[in-house]
Amino acid sequence: MQINSTSMFNSTMEHIMLVGIAIVIAIVIGVSVGIYLTTNDKLAETVLAAASILLTVPSLALFGIMIPFFSIIGQGIGFVPALTALVLYSQLPIIRNTYTGIKNVDPNVIDAANGLGMKKMQRLIKVELPNGLPVIMAGIRTAVVLNIGIGVIAAFIGAGGLGSLIVQGISRGDMYSIIAGAVLVSLLAIIADTVLLFIQKWLTPKGLA
């Protein structure tokens, strides 16, 4: 069966939009939570444990759990529940790596910053985040690749994306559609990881490169 190039392009754009929006929201939440947890180690253990448990929930089950909750506001299937599920799945690597990256900053660097009279916010922005950036970016890269793969399942609840090619291929017995969807997902993950690695190297202070 001939694959419609327009359909492939539209599905790819849907996938990029879904994953892209989810990652932006997840970064805002995850980095903020990770920064806050560096001030409360007991809470950090609880939050990281909860995020770890969440990541063990099968993706299809989590998408299914979203349906009754969002049905209350008339969004039981489609973009909104899929977006929420992907944001939740992204939290563990982003929160954990933000927390770890900041906590593992060299104490001597922190002491030097304090010696210069930096306040907490100044120290965070000028010292801790730049020094923890490689670890934080590694978590973001993991979350992006994870979401690109899990985003395929979103097609089962009507969110579109590249998963729709695979789902349609399975229902129609169209092997070409299945292979095209799988290859595009793999390429998207590789490209995204490569671009983020470049950004990570570009933003990382020269002394840490």
Protein backbone atom coordinates (compact mmCIF):
# COMPACT_ATOMS: atom_id res chain seq x y z
CA MET A 1 0.00 0.00 0.00
CA GLN A 2 1.35 3.44 -0.94
CA ILE A 3 2.00 5.73 2.01
CA ASN A 4 0.57 9.24 1.79
CA SER A 5 3.46 11.69 2.26
CA THR A 6 1.08 14.44 3.38
CA SER A 7 -0.31 12.18 6.10
CA MET A 8 3.21 11.34 7.24
CA PHE A 9 4.16 15.02 7.41
CA ASN A 10 1.00 15.96 9.32
CA SER A 11 1.49 13.09 11.77
CA THR A 12 5.11 14.11 12.33
CA MET A 13 4.10 17.72 13.02
CA GLU A 14 1.38 16.55 15.44
CA HIS A 15 3.95 14.40 17.24
CA ILE A 16 6.48 17.23 17.47
CA MET A 17 3.84 19.64 18.78
CA LEU A 18 2.55 17.18 21.39
CA VAL A 19 6.00 16.23 22.68
CA GLY A 20 7.35 19.78 22.39
CA ILE A 21 4.59 21.38 24.45
CA ALA A 22 4.76 18.56 27.02
CA ILE A 23 8.52 18.99 27.43
CA VAL A 24 8.33 22.77 27.83
CA ILE A 25 5.72 22.39 30.58
CA ALA A 26 7.66 19.52 32.16
CA ILE A 27 10.90 21.56 32.22
CA VAL A 28 9.20 24.50 33.93
CA ILE A 29 7.67 22.21 36.56
CA GLY A 30 10.51 19.72 36.93
CA VAL A 31 13.39 22.20 37.16
CA SER A 32 11.44 24.35 39.63
CA VAL A 33 10.63 21.33 41.81
CA GLY A 34 14.19 20.03 41.56
CA ILE A 35 15.60 23.38 42.67
CA TYR A 36 13.21 23.54 45.62
CA LEU A 37 14.04 19.97 46.68
CA THR A 38 17.70 20.93 47.13
CA THR A 39 16.53 22.86 50.20
CA ASN A 40 14.60 19.92 51.69
CA ASP A 41 16.27 16.50 51.52
CA LYS A 42 13.46 14.65 53.31
CA LEU A 43 10.87 15.94 50.87
CA ALA A 44 13.25 15.15 48.02
CA GLU A 45 13.26 11.46 48.93
CA THR A 46 9.47 11.35 48.94
CA VAL A 47 9.01 13.24 45.67
CA LEU A 48 11.68 11.25 43.83
CA ALA A 49 10.17 7.99 45.08
CA ALA A 50 6.71 9.07 43.90
CA ALA A 51 8.09 10.08 40.49
CA SER A 52 9.88 6.72 40.21
CA ILE A 53 6.65 4.86 40.94
CA LEU A 54 4.80 6.94 38.36
CA LEU A 55 7.34 5.99 35.71
CA THR A 56 6.65 2.29 36.34
CA VAL A 57 2.97 2.67 35.40
CA PRO A 58 2.47 1.24 31.88
CA SER A 59 2.01 4.07 29.40
CA LEU A 60 -1.23 2.74 27.96
CA ALA A 61 -2.65 2.38 31.48
CA LEU A 62 -1.71 5.96 32.37
CA PHE A 63 -3.33 7.27 29.20
CA GLY A 64 -6.42 5.26 30.13
CA ILE A 65 -6.44 6.70 33.64
CA MET A 66 -6.49 10.22 32.17
CA ILE A 67 -9.74 9.57 30.25
CA PRO A 68 -12.29 9.57 33.13
CA PHE A 69 -10.64 12.56 34.81
CA PHE A 70 -10.69 14.75 31.73
CA SER A 71 -14.12 13.51 30.66
CA ILE A 72 -15.47 15.77 33.42
CA ILE A 73 -14.45 18.80 31.36
CA GLY A 74 -15.28 17.21 28.01
CA GLN A 75 -11.66 16.37 27.17
CA GLY A 76 -11.70 12.63 27.83
CA ILE A 77 -9.77 11.74 24.69
CA GLY A 78 -7.40 13.62 22.46
CA PHE A 79 -4.63 16.14 23.00
CA VAL A 80 -5.21 17.25 26.61
CA PRO A 81 -5.04 13.86 28.42
CA ALA A 82 -2.11 12.79 26.23
CA LEU A 83 -0.26 16.02 27.03
CA THR A 84 -0.87 15.57 30.76
CA ALA A 85 0.39 11.98 30.71
CA LEU A 86 3.58 12.96 28.88
CA VAL A 87 4.24 15.81 31.33
CA LEU A 88 3.90 13.35 34.21
CA TYR A 89 6.22 10.83 32.56
CA SER A 90 8.87 13.55 32.09
CA GLN A 91 9.07 14.52 35.74
CA LEU A 92 11.41 11.85 37.12
CA PRO A 93 14.46 12.43 34.88
CA ILE A 94 14.10 16.22 34.99
CA ILE A 95 13.48 16.54 38.75
CA ARG A 96 16.11 13.94 39.66
CA ASN A 97 18.81 15.40 37.44
CA THR A 98 18.09 18.98 38.49
CA TYR A 99 18.29 17.97 42.14
CA THR A 100 21.44 15.88 41.60
CA GLY A 101 23.13 18.46 39.39
CA ILE A 102 22.74 21.27 41.91
CA LYS A 103 23.53 19.14 44.98
CA ASN A 104 26.75 17.88 43.39
CA VAL A 105 28.19 21.32 42.68
CA ASP A 106 31.67 21.54 44.20
CA PRO A 107 31.33 22.85 47.80
CA ASN A 108 34.45 24.97 47.25
CA VAL A 109 32.66 26.77 44.42
CA ILE A 110 29.69 27.40 46.70
CA ASP A 111 31.99 28.71 49.43
CA ALA A 112 33.66 31.03 46.94
CA ALA A 113 30.27 32.37 45.85
CA ASN A 114 29.28 32.95 49.47
CA GLY A 115 32.62 34.65 50.07
CA LEU A 116 31.81 37.08 47.26
CA GLY A 117 28.64 38.02 49.10
CA MET A 118 26.21 36.41 46.67
CA LYS A 119 22.64 35.97 47.86
CA LYS A 120 20.84 32.64 47.40
CA MET A 121 19.15 33.63 44.14
CA GLN A 122 22.36 35.10 42.72
CA ARG A 123 24.28 31.97 43.68
CA LEU A 124 21.61 29.78 42.09
CA ILE A 125 21.56 31.65 38.78
CA LYS A 126 25.27 32.45 38.44
CA VAL A 127 26.89 29.41 40.05
CA GLU A 128 24.69 26.40 40.81
CA LEU A 129 22.60 26.21 37.63
CA PRO A 130 25.54 26.76 35.24
CA ASN A 131 27.63 24.14 37.07
CA GLY A 132 24.73 21.69 37.26
CA LEU A 133 23.68 22.28 33.65
CA PRO A 134 25.30 19.17 32.08
CA VAL A 135 23.42 16.89 34.49
CA ILE A 136 20.17 18.85 34.12
CA MET A 137 20.39 18.74 30.32
CA ALA A 138 21.04 15.00 30.45
CA GLY A 139 17.74 14.62 32.29
CA ILE A 140 15.93 16.78 29.75
CA ARG A 141 17.39 14.75 26.87
CA THR A 142 16.22 11.54 28.55
CA ALA A 143 12.73 12.98 29.01
CA VAL A 144 12.52 14.11 25.37
CA VAL A 145 13.56 10.74 23.94
CA LEU A 146 11.26 8.96 26.39
CA ASN A 147 8.30 11.13 25.40
CA ILE A 148 8.89 10.72 21.69
CA GLY A 149 8.57 6.97 22.16
CA ILE A 150 5.68 7.04 24.62
CA GLY A 151 3.89 9.64 22.48
CA VAL A 152 3.18 6.84 20.00
CA ILE A 153 0.69 5.37 22.50
CA ALA A 154 -1.21 8.68 22.49
CA ALA A 155 -2.75 7.65 19.16
CA PHE A 156 -4.85 5.09 21.05
CA ILE A 157 -6.75 7.92 22.76
CA GLY A 158 -7.14 10.03 19.66
CA ALA A 159 -4.19 12.41 20.13
CA GLY A 160 -2.77 11.74 16.67
CA GLY A 161 0.95 11.86 16.04
CA LEU A 162 3.16 9.22 14.48
CA GLY A 163 1.40 6.56 16.52
CA SER A 164 -1.61 6.97 14.22
CA LEU A 165 0.44 5.57 11.32
CA ILE A 166 1.33 2.52 13.36
CA VAL A 167 -2.21 2.04 14.69
CA GLN A 168 -3.70 2.36 11.21
CA GLY A 169 -1.09 -0.01 9.85
CA ILE A 170 -1.94 -2.63 12.48
CA SER A 171 -5.70 -2.33 11.90
CA ARG A 172 -5.32 -2.52 8.10
CA GLY A 173 -2.51 -5.05 8.00
CA ASP A 174 -0.34 -2.44 6.27
CA MET A 175 3.28 -3.27 7.09
CA TYR A 176 4.61 -0.24 5.18
CA SER A 177 2.64 2.15 7.38
CA ILE A 178 3.91 0.44 10.53
CA ILE A 179 7.52 0.57 9.37
CA ALA A 180 7.20 4.20 8.24
CA GLY A 181 5.80 5.22 11.64
CA ALA A 182 8.49 3.32 13.55
CA VAL A 183 11.32 4.73 11.41
CA LEU A 184 10.04 8.30 11.74
CA VAL A 185 9.77 7.95 15.53
CA SER A 186 13.35 6.64 15.70
CA LEU A 187 14.68 9.42 13.46
CA LEU A 188 12.83 12.06 15.47
CA ALA A 189 14.34 10.72 18.72
CA ILE A 190 17.86 10.67 17.25
CA ILE A 191 17.56 14.19 15.82
CA ALA A 192 16.11 15.61 19.06
CA ASP A 193 18.83 14.01 21.18
CA THR A 194 21.57 15.25 18.85
CA VAL A 195 20.22 18.82 18.84
CA LEU A 196 19.87 18.85 22.63
CA LEU A 197 23.41 17.47 23.03
CA PHE A 198 24.69 20.33 20.87
CA ILE A 199 22.74 22.84 23.00
CA GLN A 200 24.10 21.21 26.16
CA LYS A 201 27.71 21.57 24.97
CA TRP A 202 27.07 25.14 23.85
CA LEU A 203 25.59 26.20 27.19
CA THR A 204 28.03 24.31 29.41
CA PRO A 205 30.73 26.57 30.90
CA LYS A 206 34.12 25.96 29.25
CA GLY A 207 35.67 24.84 32.53
CA LEU A 208 33.15 21.99 32.78
CA ALA A 209 33.20 20.89 29.15
